[in-house]
């Protein structure tokens, strides 16, 4: 199984947050090269091209942006296909419950 940046996976994150009781809102965002470099990181750019997070035709990068409530005073986090799959493999995710625990660990503040 492979996880990737998509609207379906962002919805799964939102549903998991609601089910497990932590607060964050996930959405898929697209960015220019400069925006991606600033928000996600320079090292992630090569991973994006290798993992389908870069649209060659539109010259845009995509990531899942995690927004938190104002009272958390937290900056948004960005998840990439590469970061999701690294976490997926390192946690040896076997089923949906494992995946939900992985999401909680990655997203909860």
PDB file of N, CA and C in Angstrom:
ATOM      1  N   UNK A   1       0.845  -1.186   0.000  1.00  0.00           N
ATOM      2  CA  UNK A   1       0.000   0.000   0.000  1.00  0.00           C
ATOM      3  C   UNK A   1       0.884   1.240   0.000  1.00  0.00           C
ATOM      4  N   UNK A   2       0.463   2.236  -0.752  1.00  0.00           N
ATOM      5  CA  UNK A   2       1.202   3.489  -0.820  1.00  0.00           C
ATOM      6  C   UNK A   2       0.217   4.619  -0.549  1.00  0.00           C
ATOM      7  N   UNK A   3       0.626   5.566   0.277  1.00  0.00           N
ATOM      8  CA  UNK A   3      -0.206   6.738   0.538  1.00  0.00           C
ATOM      9  C   UNK A   3       0.370   7.905  -0.253  1.00  0.00           C
ATOM     10  N   UNK A   4      -0.503   8.841  -0.651  1.00  0.00           N
ATOM     11  CA  UNK A   4      -0.012   9.970  -1.429  1.00  0.00           C
ATOM     12  C   UNK A   4      -0.858  11.208  -1.164  1.00  0.00           C
ATOM     13  N   UNK A   5      -0.306  12.341  -1.535  1.00  0.00           N
ATOM     14  CA  UNK A   5      -1.020  13.604  -1.416  1.00  0.00           C
ATOM     15  C   UNK A   5      -2.205  13.571  -2.366  1.00  0.00           C
ATOM     16  N   UNK A   6      -3.403  13.692  -1.794  1.00  0.00           N
ATOM     17  CA  UNK A   6      -4.624  13.717  -2.596  1.00  0.00           C
ATOM     18  C   UNK A   6      -5.753  14.282  -1.756  1.00  0.00           C
ATOM     19  N   UNK A   7      -6.806  14.706  -2.414  1.00  0.00           N
ATOM     20  CA  UNK A   7      -7.979  15.203  -1.692  1.00  0.00           C
ATOM     21  C   UNK A   7      -8.605  14.086  -0.866  1.00  0.00           C
ATOM     22  N   UNK A   8      -8.565  12.872  -1.372  1.00  0.00           N
ATOM     23  CA  UNK A   8      -9.118  11.722  -0.650  1.00  0.00           C
ATOM     24  C   UNK A   8      -8.348  11.502   0.649  1.00  0.00           C
ATOM     25  N   UNK A   9      -7.012  11.586   0.587  1.00  0.00           N
ATOM     26  CA  UNK A   9      -6.228  11.370   1.800  1.00  0.00           C
ATOM     27  C   UNK A   9      -6.382  12.538   2.772  1.00  0.00           C
ATOM     28  N   UNK A  10      -6.504  13.758   2.269  1.00  0.00           N
ATOM     29  CA  UNK A  10      -6.760  14.910   3.145  1.00  0.00           C
ATOM     30  C   UNK A  10      -8.087  14.726   3.870  1.00  0.00           C
ATOM     31  N   UNK A  11      -9.104  14.230   3.180  1.00  0.00           N
ATOM     32  CA  UNK A  11     -10.398  13.967   3.820  1.00  0.00           C
ATOM     33  C   UNK A  11     -10.254  12.883   4.880  1.00  0.00           C
ATOM     34  N   UNK A  12      -9.465  11.858   4.596  1.00  0.00           N
ATOM     35  CA  UNK A  12      -9.228  10.800   5.574  1.00  0.00           C
ATOM     36  C   UNK A  12      -8.558  11.370   6.827  1.00  0.00           C
ATOM     37  N   UNK A  13      -7.622  12.289   6.656  1.00  0.00           N
ATOM     38  CA  UNK A  13      -6.976  12.941   7.801  1.00  0.00           C
ATOM     39  C   UNK A  13      -8.019  13.711   8.607  1.00  0.00           C
ATOM     40  N   UNK A  14      -8.871  14.476   7.924  1.00  0.00           N
ATOM     41  CA  UNK A  14      -9.912  15.241   8.622  1.00  0.00           C
ATOM     42  C   UNK A  14     -10.879  14.326   9.369  1.00  0.00           C
ATOM     43  N   UNK A  15     -11.283  13.238   8.744  1.00  0.00           N
ATOM     44  CA  UNK A  15     -12.185  12.276   9.399  1.00  0.00           C
ATOM     45  C   UNK A  15     -11.508  11.625  10.608  1.00  0.00           C
ATOM     46  N   UNK A  16     -10.224  11.311  10.469  1.00  0.00           N
ATOM     47  CA  UNK A  16      -9.470  10.710  11.566  1.00  0.00           C
ATOM     48  C   UNK A  16      -9.337  11.692  12.731  1.00  0.00           C
ATOM     49  N   UNK A  17      -9.070  12.954  12.425  1.00  0.00           N
ATOM     50  CA  UNK A  17      -8.956  13.981  13.476  1.00  0.00           C
ATOM     51  C   UNK A  17     -10.263  14.088  14.255  1.00  0.00           C
ATOM     52  N   UNK A  18     -11.356  14.086  13.530  1.00  0.00           N
ATOM     53  CA  UNK A  18     -12.664  14.165  14.182  1.00  0.00           C
ATOM     54  C   UNK A  18     -12.923  12.921  15.032  1.00  0.00           C
ATOM     55  N   UNK A  19     -12.623  11.757  14.485  1.00  0.00           N
ATOM     56  CA  UNK A  19     -12.867  10.494  15.194  1.00  0.00           C
ATOM     57  C   UNK A  19     -12.004  10.348  16.442  1.00  0.00           C
ATOM     58  N   UNK A  20     -10.723  10.734  16.348  1.00  0.00           N
ATOM     59  CA  UNK A  20      -9.795  10.537  17.461  1.00  0.00           C
ATOM     60  C   UNK A  20      -9.696  11.750  18.382  1.00  0.00           C
ATOM     61  N   UNK A  21     -10.367  12.846  18.023  1.00  0.00           N
ATOM     62  CA  UNK A  21     -10.467  13.985  18.923  1.00  0.00           C
ATOM     63  C   UNK A  21      -9.286  14.929  18.957  1.00  0.00           C
ATOM     64  N   UNK A  22      -8.557  15.066  17.862  1.00  0.00           N
ATOM     65  CA  UNK A  22      -7.535  16.104  17.814  1.00  0.00           C
ATOM     66  C   UNK A  22      -7.923  17.121  16.751  1.00  0.00           C
ATOM     67  N   UNK A  23      -7.401  18.342  16.886  1.00  0.00           N
ATOM     68  CA  UNK A  23      -7.851  19.431  16.030  1.00  0.00           C
ATOM     69  C   UNK A  23      -6.792  19.806  14.996  1.00  0.00           C
ATOM     70  N   UNK A  24      -7.156  19.598  13.755  1.00  0.00           N
ATOM     71  CA  UNK A  24      -6.389  20.104  12.616  1.00  0.00           C
ATOM     72  C   UNK A  24      -7.282  19.979  11.394  1.00  0.00           C
ATOM     73  N   UNK A  25      -7.001  20.766  10.406  1.00  0.00           N
ATOM     74  CA  UNK A  25      -7.756  20.709   9.159  1.00  0.00           C
ATOM     75  C   UNK A  25      -6.776  20.508   8.019  1.00  0.00           C
ATOM     76  N   UNK A  26      -6.978  19.445   7.262  1.00  0.00           N
ATOM     77  CA  UNK A  26      -6.093  19.099   6.152  1.00  0.00           C
ATOM     78  C   UNK A  26      -6.728  19.507   4.832  1.00  0.00           C
ATOM     79  N   UNK A  27      -5.906  20.046   3.951  1.00  0.00           N
ATOM     80  CA  UNK A  27      -6.355  20.372   2.599  1.00  0.00           C
ATOM     81  C   UNK A  27      -5.168  20.259   1.648  1.00  0.00           C
ATOM     82  N   UNK A  28      -5.460  19.955   0.400  1.00  0.00           N
ATOM     83  CA  UNK A  28      -4.417  19.885  -0.613  1.00  0.00           C
ATOM     84  C   UNK A  28      -4.206  21.288  -1.162  1.00  0.00           C
ATOM     85  N   UNK A  29      -2.951  21.723  -1.185  1.00  0.00           N
ATOM     86  CA  UNK A  29      -2.612  23.037  -1.717  1.00  0.00           C
ATOM     87  C   UNK A  29      -1.570  22.878  -2.821  1.00  0.00           C
ATOM     88  N   UNK A  30      -1.603  23.782  -3.774  1.00  0.00           N
ATOM     89  CA  UNK A  30      -0.579  23.817  -4.815  1.00  0.00           C
ATOM     90  C   UNK A  30       0.250  25.076  -4.629  1.00  0.00           C
ATOM     91  N   UNK A  31       1.523  24.979  -4.972  1.00  0.00           N
ATOM     92  CA  UNK A  31       2.454  26.086  -4.778  1.00  0.00           C
ATOM     93  C   UNK A  31       3.427  26.174  -5.932  1.00  0.00           C
ATOM     94  N   UNK A  32       3.955  27.362  -6.103  1.00  0.00           N
ATOM     95  CA  UNK A  32       5.046  27.551  -7.054  1.00  0.00           C
ATOM     96  C   UNK A  32       6.308  26.909  -6.477  1.00  0.00           C
ATOM     97  N   UNK A  33       7.347  26.863  -7.266  1.00  0.00           N
ATOM     98  CA  UNK A  33       8.613  26.310  -6.795  1.00  0.00           C
ATOM     99  C   UNK A  33       9.118  27.079  -5.569  1.00  0.00           C
ATOM    100  N   UNK A  34       9.030  28.388  -5.629  1.00  0.00           N
ATOM    101  CA  UNK A  34       9.498  29.221  -4.509  1.00  0.00           C
ATOM    102  C   UNK A  34       8.660  28.970  -3.248  1.00  0.00           C
ATOM    103  N   UNK A  35       7.347  28.909  -3.401  1.00  0.00           N
ATOM    104  CA  UNK A  35       6.477  28.650  -2.266  1.00  0.00           C
ATOM    105  C   UNK A  35       6.737  27.291  -1.651  1.00  0.00           C
ATOM    106  N   UNK A  36       6.958  26.303  -2.484  1.00  0.00           N
ATOM    107  CA  UNK A  36       7.226  24.953  -1.989  1.00  0.00           C
ATOM    108  C   UNK A  36       8.552  24.920  -1.240  1.00  0.00           C
ATOM    109  N   UNK A  37       9.552  25.582  -1.823  1.00  0.00           N
ATOM    110  CA  UNK A  37      10.863  25.630  -1.189  1.00  0.00           C
ATOM    111  C   UNK A  37      10.784  26.283   0.192  1.00  0.00           C
ATOM    112  N   UNK A  38      10.028  27.369   0.300  1.00  0.00           N
ATOM    113  CA  UNK A  38       9.897  28.089   1.567  1.00  0.00           C
ATOM    114  C   UNK A  38       9.054  27.341   2.590  1.00  0.00           C
ATOM    115  N   UNK A  39       7.950  26.748   2.151  1.00  0.00           N
ATOM    116  CA  UNK A  39       7.012  26.103   3.074  1.00  0.00           C
ATOM    117  C   UNK A  39       7.363  24.662   3.409  1.00  0.00           C
ATOM    118  N   UNK A  40       7.807  23.930   2.428  1.00  0.00           N
ATOM    119  CA  UNK A  40       8.015  22.496   2.614  1.00  0.00           C
ATOM    120  C   UNK A  40       9.500  22.179   2.771  1.00  0.00           C
ATOM    121  N   UNK A  41      10.328  22.785   1.949  1.00  0.00           N
ATOM    122  CA  UNK A  41      11.771  22.591   2.068  1.00  0.00           C
ATOM    123  C   UNK A  41      12.430  22.258   0.744  1.00  0.00           C
ATOM    124  N   UNK A  42      13.667  22.651   0.639  1.00  0.00           N
ATOM    125  CA  UNK A  42      14.434  22.432  -0.588  1.00  0.00           C
ATOM    126  C   UNK A  42      14.637  20.948  -0.867  1.00  0.00           C
ATOM    127  N   UNK A  43      14.947  20.174   0.159  1.00  0.00           N
ATOM    128  CA  UNK A  43      15.171  18.739  -0.029  1.00  0.00           C
ATOM    129  C   UNK A  43      13.921  18.026  -0.538  1.00  0.00           C
ATOM    130  N   UNK A  44      12.748  18.524  -0.150  1.00  0.00           N
ATOM    131  CA  UNK A  44      11.490  17.890  -0.548  1.00  0.00           C
ATOM    132  C   UNK A  44      11.195  18.081  -2.034  1.00  0.00           C
ATOM    133  N   UNK A  45      11.848  19.043  -2.676  1.00  0.00           N
ATOM    134  CA  UNK A  45      11.552  19.322  -4.088  1.00  0.00           C
ATOM    135  C   UNK A  45      11.891  18.129  -4.986  1.00  0.00           C
ATOM    136  N   UNK A  46      13.031  17.513  -4.771  1.00  0.00           N
ATOM    137  CA  UNK A  46      13.392  16.351  -5.588  1.00  0.00           C
ATOM    138  C   UNK A  46      12.469  15.179  -5.307  1.00  0.00           C
ATOM    139  N   UNK A  47      12.118  14.989  -4.034  1.00  0.00           N
ATOM    140  CA  UNK A  47      11.164  13.935  -3.682  1.00  0.00           C
ATOM    141  C   UNK A  47       9.823  14.179  -4.360  1.00  0.00           C
ATOM    142  N   UNK A  48       9.408  15.432  -4.446  1.00  0.00           N
ATOM    143  CA  UNK A  48       8.122  15.759  -5.063  1.00  0.00           C
ATOM    144  C   UNK A  48       8.102  15.336  -6.531  1.00  0.00           C
ATOM    145  N   UNK A  49       9.192  15.582  -7.216  1.00  0.00           N
ATOM    146  CA  UNK A  49       9.261  15.218  -8.628  1.00  0.00           C
ATOM    147  C   UNK A  49       9.257  13.702  -8.807  1.00  0.00           C
ATOM    148  N   UNK A  50       9.878  13.001  -7.876  1.00  0.00           N
ATOM    149  CA  UNK A  50       9.953  11.533  -7.965  1.00  0.00           C
ATOM    150  C   UNK A  50       8.681  10.838  -7.501  1.00  0.00           C
ATOM    151  N   UNK A  51       7.852  11.505  -6.689  1.00  0.00           N
ATOM    152  CA  UNK A  51       6.693  10.866  -6.071  1.00  0.00           C
ATOM    153  C   UNK A  51       5.345  11.376  -6.561  1.00  0.00           C
ATOM    154  N   UNK A  52       5.330  12.176  -7.596  1.00  0.00           N
ATOM    155  CA  UNK A  52       4.067  12.622  -8.172  1.00  0.00           C
ATOM    156  C   UNK A  52       3.473  13.868  -7.549  1.00  0.00           C
ATOM    157  N   UNK A  53       4.230  14.567  -6.687  1.00  0.00           N
ATOM    158  CA  UNK A  53       3.725  15.800  -6.084  1.00  0.00           C
ATOM    159  C   UNK A  53       4.053  17.029  -6.929  1.00  0.00           C
ATOM    160  N   UNK A  54       4.652  16.816  -8.082  1.00  0.00           N
ATOM    161  CA  UNK A  54       4.978  17.913  -8.994  1.00  0.00           C
ATOM    162  C   UNK A  54       4.218  17.718 -10.297  1.00  0.00           C
ATOM    163  N   UNK A  55       3.532  18.765 -10.737  1.00  0.00           N
ATOM    164  CA  UNK A  55       2.799  18.745 -12.002  1.00  0.00           C
ATOM    165  C   UNK A  55       3.674  19.419 -13.056  1.00  0.00           C
ATOM    166  N   UNK A  56       4.234  18.619 -13.942  1.00  0.00           N
ATOM    167  CA  UNK A  56       5.154  19.132 -14.956  1.00  0.00           C
ATOM    168  C   UNK A  56       4.463  20.095 -15.914  1.00  0.00           C
ATOM    169  N   UNK A  57       3.209  19.847 -16.234  1.00  0.00           N
ATOM    170  CA  UNK A  57       2.485  20.700 -17.169  1.00  0.00           C
ATOM    171  C   UNK A  57       2.173  22.072 -16.599  1.00  0.00           C
ATOM    172  N   UNK A  58       1.812  22.115 -15.317  1.00  0.00           N
ATOM    173  CA  UNK A  58       1.442  23.379 -14.660  1.00  0.00           C
ATOM    174  C   UNK A  58       2.613  24.023 -13.927  1.00  0.00           C
ATOM    175  N   UNK A  59       3.716  23.277 -13.790  1.00  0.00           N
ATOM    176  CA  UNK A  59       4.886  23.759 -13.053  1.00  0.00           C
ATOM    177  C   UNK A  59       4.503  24.124 -11.615  1.00  0.00           C
ATOM    178  N   UNK A  60       3.738  23.225 -10.960  1.00  0.00           N
ATOM    179  CA  UNK A  60       3.282  23.445  -9.588  1.00  0.00           C
ATOM    180  C   UNK A  60       3.559  22.214  -8.736  1.00  0.00           C
ATOM    181  N   UNK A  61       3.776  22.471  -7.482  1.00  0.00           N
ATOM    182  CA  UNK A  61       3.973  21.421  -6.489  1.00  0.00           C
ATOM    183  C   UNK A  61       2.719  21.329  -5.634  1.00  0.00           C
ATOM    184  N   UNK A  62       2.458  20.144  -5.084  1.00  0.00           N
ATOM    185  CA  UNK A  62       1.311  20.011  -4.188  1.00  0.00           C
ATOM    186  C   UNK A  62       1.737  19.327  -2.898  1.00  0.00           C
ATOM    187  N   UNK A  63       1.000  19.642  -1.840  1.00  0.00           N
ATOM    188  CA  UNK A  63       1.238  19.059  -0.521  1.00  0.00           C
ATOM    189  C   UNK A  63      -0.070  19.116   0.251  1.00  0.00           C
ATOM    190  N   UNK A  64      -0.133  18.378   1.338  1.00  0.00           N
ATOM    191  CA  UNK A  64      -1.272  18.483   2.245  1.00  0.00           C
ATOM    192  C   UNK A  64      -0.883  19.485   3.323  1.00  0.00           C
ATOM    193  N   UNK A  65      -1.679  20.542   3.423  1.00  0.00           N
ATOM    194  CA  UNK A  65      -1.439  21.571   4.431  1.00  0.00           C
ATOM    195  C   UNK A  65      -2.315  21.275   5.648  1.00  0.00           C
ATOM    196  N   UNK A  66      -1.686  21.282   6.818  1.00  0.00           N
ATOM    197  CA  UNK A  66      -2.398  21.082   8.072  1.00  0.00           C
ATOM    198  C   UNK A  66      -2.502  22.416   8.792  1.00  0.00           C
ATOM    199  N   UNK A  67      -3.728  22.885   8.985  1.00  0.00           N
ATOM    200  CA  UNK A  67      -3.982  24.123   9.712  1.00  0.00           C
ATOM    201  C   UNK A  67      -4.538  23.783  11.083  1.00  0.00           C
ATOM    202  N   UNK A  68      -4.151  24.577  12.062  1.00  0.00           N
ATOM    203  CA  UNK A  68      -4.557  24.356  13.452  1.00  0.00           C
ATOM    204  C   UNK A  68      -5.384  25.535  13.949  1.00  0.00           C
ATOM    205  N   UNK A  69      -6.182  25.326  15.006  1.00  0.00           N
ATOM    206  CA  UNK A  69      -6.979  26.425  15.554  1.00  0.00           C
ATOM    207  C   UNK A  69      -6.078  27.587  15.997  1.00  0.00           C
ATOM    208  N   UNK A  70      -6.627  28.805  15.941  1.00  0.00           N
ATOM    209  CA  UNK A  70      -5.862  30.005  16.313  1.00  0.00           C
ATOM    210  C   UNK A  70      -5.262  29.909  17.700  1.00  0.00           C
ATOM    211  N   UNK A  71      -6.018  29.350  18.632  1.00  0.00           N
ATOM    212  CA  UNK A  71      -5.545  29.301  20.020  1.00  0.00           C
ATOM    213  C   UNK A  71      -4.329  28.391  20.199  1.00  0.00           C
ATOM    214  N   UNK A  72      -3.965  27.620  19.189  1.00  0.00           N
ATOM    215  CA  UNK A  72      -2.775  26.777  19.269  1.00  0.00           C
ATOM    216  C   UNK A  72      -1.496  27.571  18.959  1.00  0.00           C
ATOM    217  N   UNK A  73      -1.630  28.727  18.320  1.00  0.00           N
ATOM    218  CA  UNK A  73      -0.474  29.539  17.913  1.00  0.00           C
ATOM    219  C   UNK A  73       0.535  28.691  17.139  1.00  0.00           C
ATOM    220  N   UNK A  74       0.032  27.858  16.254  1.00  0.00           N
ATOM    221  CA  UNK A  74       0.873  26.923  15.510  1.00  0.00           C
ATOM    222  C   UNK A  74       0.889  27.280  14.026  1.00  0.00           C
ATOM    223  N   UNK A  75       2.061  27.220  13.451  1.00  0.00           N
ATOM    224  CA  UNK A  75       2.199  27.410  12.014  1.00  0.00           C
ATOM    225  C   UNK A  75       1.675  26.172  11.290  1.00  0.00           C
ATOM    226  N   UNK A  76       1.207  26.341  10.066  1.00  0.00           N
ATOM    227  CA  UNK A  76       0.772  25.168   9.296  1.00  0.00           C
ATOM    228  C   UNK A  76       1.929  24.196   9.079  1.00  0.00           C
ATOM    229  N   UNK A  77       1.599  22.937   8.994  1.00  0.00           N
ATOM    230  CA  UNK A  77       2.562  21.898   8.629  1.00  0.00           C
ATOM    231  C   UNK A  77       2.216  21.418   7.234  1.00  0.00           C
ATOM    232  N   UNK A  78       3.186  20.868   6.555  1.00  0.00           N
ATOM    233  CA  UNK A  78       2.957  20.349   5.212  1.00  0.00           C
ATOM    234  C   UNK A  78       3.407  18.894   5.142  1.00  0.00           C
ATOM    235  N   UNK A  79       2.541  18.053   4.595  1.00  0.00           N
ATOM    236  CA  UNK A  79       2.850  16.644   4.398  1.00  0.00           C
ATOM    237  C   UNK A  79       3.035  16.388   2.909  1.00  0.00           C
ATOM    238  N   UNK A  80       4.035  15.605   2.578  1.00  0.00           N
ATOM    239  CA  UNK A  80       4.298  15.244   1.193  1.00  0.00           C
ATOM    240  C   UNK A  80       4.114  13.739   1.031  1.00  0.00           C
ATOM    241  N   UNK A  81       4.031  13.291  -0.192  1.00  0.00           N
ATOM    242  CA  UNK A  81       3.935  11.857  -0.446  1.00  0.00           C
ATOM    243  C   UNK A  81       5.147  11.146   0.132  1.00  0.00           C
ATOM    244  N   UNK A  82       6.330  11.731  -0.038  1.00  0.00           N
ATOM    245  CA  UNK A  82       7.552  11.102   0.485  1.00  0.00           C
ATOM    246  C   UNK A  82       7.514  11.007   2.006  1.00  0.00           C
ATOM    247  N   UNK A  83       7.113  12.073   2.694  1.00  0.00           N
ATOM    248  CA  UNK A  83       7.087  12.044   4.162  1.00  0.00           C
ATOM    249  C   UNK A  83       6.024  11.064   4.663  1.00  0.00           C
ATOM    250  N   UNK A  84       4.882  11.018   3.995  1.00  0.00           N
ATOM    251  CA  UNK A  84       3.833  10.070   4.381  1.00  0.00           C
ATOM    252  C   UNK A  84       4.311   8.634   4.221  1.00  0.00           C
ATOM    253  N   UNK A  85       4.971   8.344   3.121  1.00  0.00           N
ATOM    254  CA  UNK A  85       5.431   6.973   2.879  1.00  0.00           C
ATOM    255  C   UNK A  85       6.589   6.573   3.779  1.00  0.00           C
ATOM    256  N   UNK A  86       7.467   7.518   4.119  1.00  0.00           N
ATOM    257  CA  UNK A  86       8.537   7.211   5.085  1.00  0.00           C
ATOM    258  C   UNK A  86       7.930   6.808   6.434  1.00  0.00           C
ATOM    259  N   UNK A  87       6.963   7.599   6.878  1.00  0.00           N
ATOM    260  CA  UNK A  87       6.303   7.310   8.152  1.00  0.00           C
ATOM    261  C   UNK A  87       5.539   5.988   8.066  1.00  0.00           C
ATOM    262  N   UNK A  88       4.865   5.759   6.958  1.00  0.00           N
ATOM    263  CA  UNK A  88       4.090   4.534   6.735  1.00  0.00           C
ATOM    264  C   UNK A  88       4.985   3.306   6.866  1.00  0.00           C
ATOM    265  N   UNK A  89       6.146   3.361   6.209  1.00  0.00           N
ATOM    266  CA  UNK A  89       7.074   2.223   6.256  1.00  0.00           C
ATOM    267  C   UNK A  89       7.707   2.067   7.635  1.00  0.00           C
ATOM    268  N   UNK A  90       8.094   3.168   8.265  1.00  0.00           N
ATOM    269  CA  UNK A  90       8.780   3.070   9.558  1.00  0.00           C
ATOM    270  C   UNK A  90       7.858   2.555  10.659  1.00  0.00           C
ATOM    271  N   UNK A  91       6.559   2.795  10.523  1.00  0.00           N
ATOM    272  CA  UNK A  91       5.605   2.327  11.529  1.00  0.00           C
ATOM    273  C   UNK A  91       5.011   0.964  11.181  1.00  0.00           C
ATOM    274  N   UNK A  92       5.393   0.414  10.030  1.00  0.00           N
ATOM    275  CA  UNK A  92       4.902  -0.905   9.604  1.00  0.00           C
ATOM    276  C   UNK A  92       3.377  -0.960   9.656  1.00  0.00           C
ATOM    277  N   UNK A  93       2.745   0.001   9.011  1.00  0.00           N
ATOM    278  CA  UNK A  93       1.282   0.093   9.011  1.00  0.00           C
ATOM    279  C   UNK A  93       0.706  -1.138   8.321  1.00  0.00           C
ATOM    280  N   UNK A  94      -0.222  -1.808   9.029  1.00  0.00           N
ATOM    281  CA  UNK A  94      -0.832  -3.031   8.519  1.00  0.00           C
ATOM    282  C   UNK A  94      -2.313  -2.884   8.192  1.00  0.00           C
ATOM    283  N   UNK A  95      -3.001  -1.962   8.898  1.00  0.00           N
ATOM    284  CA  UNK A  95      -4.441  -1.840   8.702  1.00  0.00           C
ATOM    285  C   UNK A  95      -4.879  -0.395   8.936  1.00  0.00           C
ATOM    286  N   UNK A  96      -6.181  -0.165   8.829  1.00  0.00           N
ATOM    287  CA  UNK A  96      -6.723   1.195   8.952  1.00  0.00           C
ATOM    288  C   UNK A  96      -6.466   1.787  10.331  1.00  0.00           C
ATOM    289  N   UNK A  97      -6.529   0.976  11.376  1.00  0.00           N
ATOM    290  CA  UNK A  97      -6.270   1.487  12.724  1.00  0.00           C
ATOM    291  C   UNK A  97      -4.822   1.948  12.873  1.00  0.00           C
ATOM    292  N   UNK A  98      -3.885   1.181  12.298  1.00  0.00           N
ATOM    293  CA  UNK A  98      -2.476   1.597  12.306  1.00  0.00           C
ATOM    294  C   UNK A  98      -2.307   2.912  11.548  1.00  0.00           C
ATOM    295  N   UNK A  99      -3.004   3.032  10.423  1.00  0.00           N
ATOM    296  CA  UNK A  99      -2.922   4.251   9.619  1.00  0.00           C
ATOM    297  C   UNK A  99      -3.469   5.452  10.386  1.00  0.00           C
ATOM    298  N   UNK A 100      -4.548   5.266  11.103  1.00  0.00           N
ATOM    299  CA  UNK A 100      -5.120   6.350  11.910  1.00  0.00           C
ATOM    300  C   UNK A 100      -4.168   6.768  13.022  1.00  0.00           C
ATOM    301  N   UNK A 101      -3.509   5.808  13.654  1.00  0.00           N
ATOM    302  CA  UNK A 101      -2.528   6.134  14.699  1.00  0.00           C
ATOM    303  C   UNK A 101      -1.341   6.890  14.101  1.00  0.00           C
ATOM    304  N   UNK A 102      -0.913   6.491  12.912  1.00  0.00           N
ATOM    305  CA  UNK A 102       0.174   7.181  12.235  1.00  0.00           C
ATOM    306  C   UNK A 102      -0.209   8.631  11.959  1.00  0.00           C
ATOM    307  N   UNK A 103      -1.428   8.832  11.459  1.00  0.00           N
ATOM    308  CA  UNK A 103      -1.907  10.178  11.161  1.00  0.00           C
ATOM    309  C   UNK A 103      -1.953  11.016  12.437  1.00  0.00           C
ATOM    310  N   UNK A 104      -2.472  10.437  13.491  1.00  0.00           N
ATOM    311  CA  UNK A 104      -2.541  11.179  14.757  1.00  0.00           C
ATOM    312  C   UNK A 104      -1.141  11.595  15.207  1.00  0.00           C
ATOM    313  N   UNK A 105      -0.200  10.683  15.115  1.00  0.00           N
ATOM    314  CA  UNK A 105       1.166  10.982  15.526  1.00  0.00           C
ATOM    315  C   UNK A 105       1.798  12.084  14.665  1.00  0.00           C
ATOM    316  N   UNK A 106       1.520  12.076  13.382  1.00  0.00           N
ATOM    317  CA  UNK A 106       2.101  13.075  12.472  1.00  0.00           C
ATOM    318  C   UNK A 106       1.430  14.443  12.593  1.00  0.00           C
ATOM    319  N   UNK A 107       0.140  14.473  12.909  1.00  0.00           N
ATOM    320  CA  UNK A 107      -0.644  15.706  12.793  1.00  0.00           C
ATOM    321  C   UNK A 107      -0.983  16.375  14.121  1.00  0.00           C
ATOM    322  N   UNK A 108      -1.099  15.606  15.172  1.00  0.00           N
ATOM    323  CA  UNK A 108      -1.560  16.171  16.441  1.00  0.00           C
ATOM    324  C   UNK A 108      -0.494  17.047  17.082  1.00  0.00           C
ATOM    325  N   UNK A 109      -0.947  18.169  17.633  1.00  0.00           N
ATOM    326  CA  UNK A 109      -0.034  19.051  18.384  1.00  0.00           C
ATOM    327  C   UNK A 109      -0.376  18.916  19.848  1.00  0.00           C
TER     328      UNK A 109
END
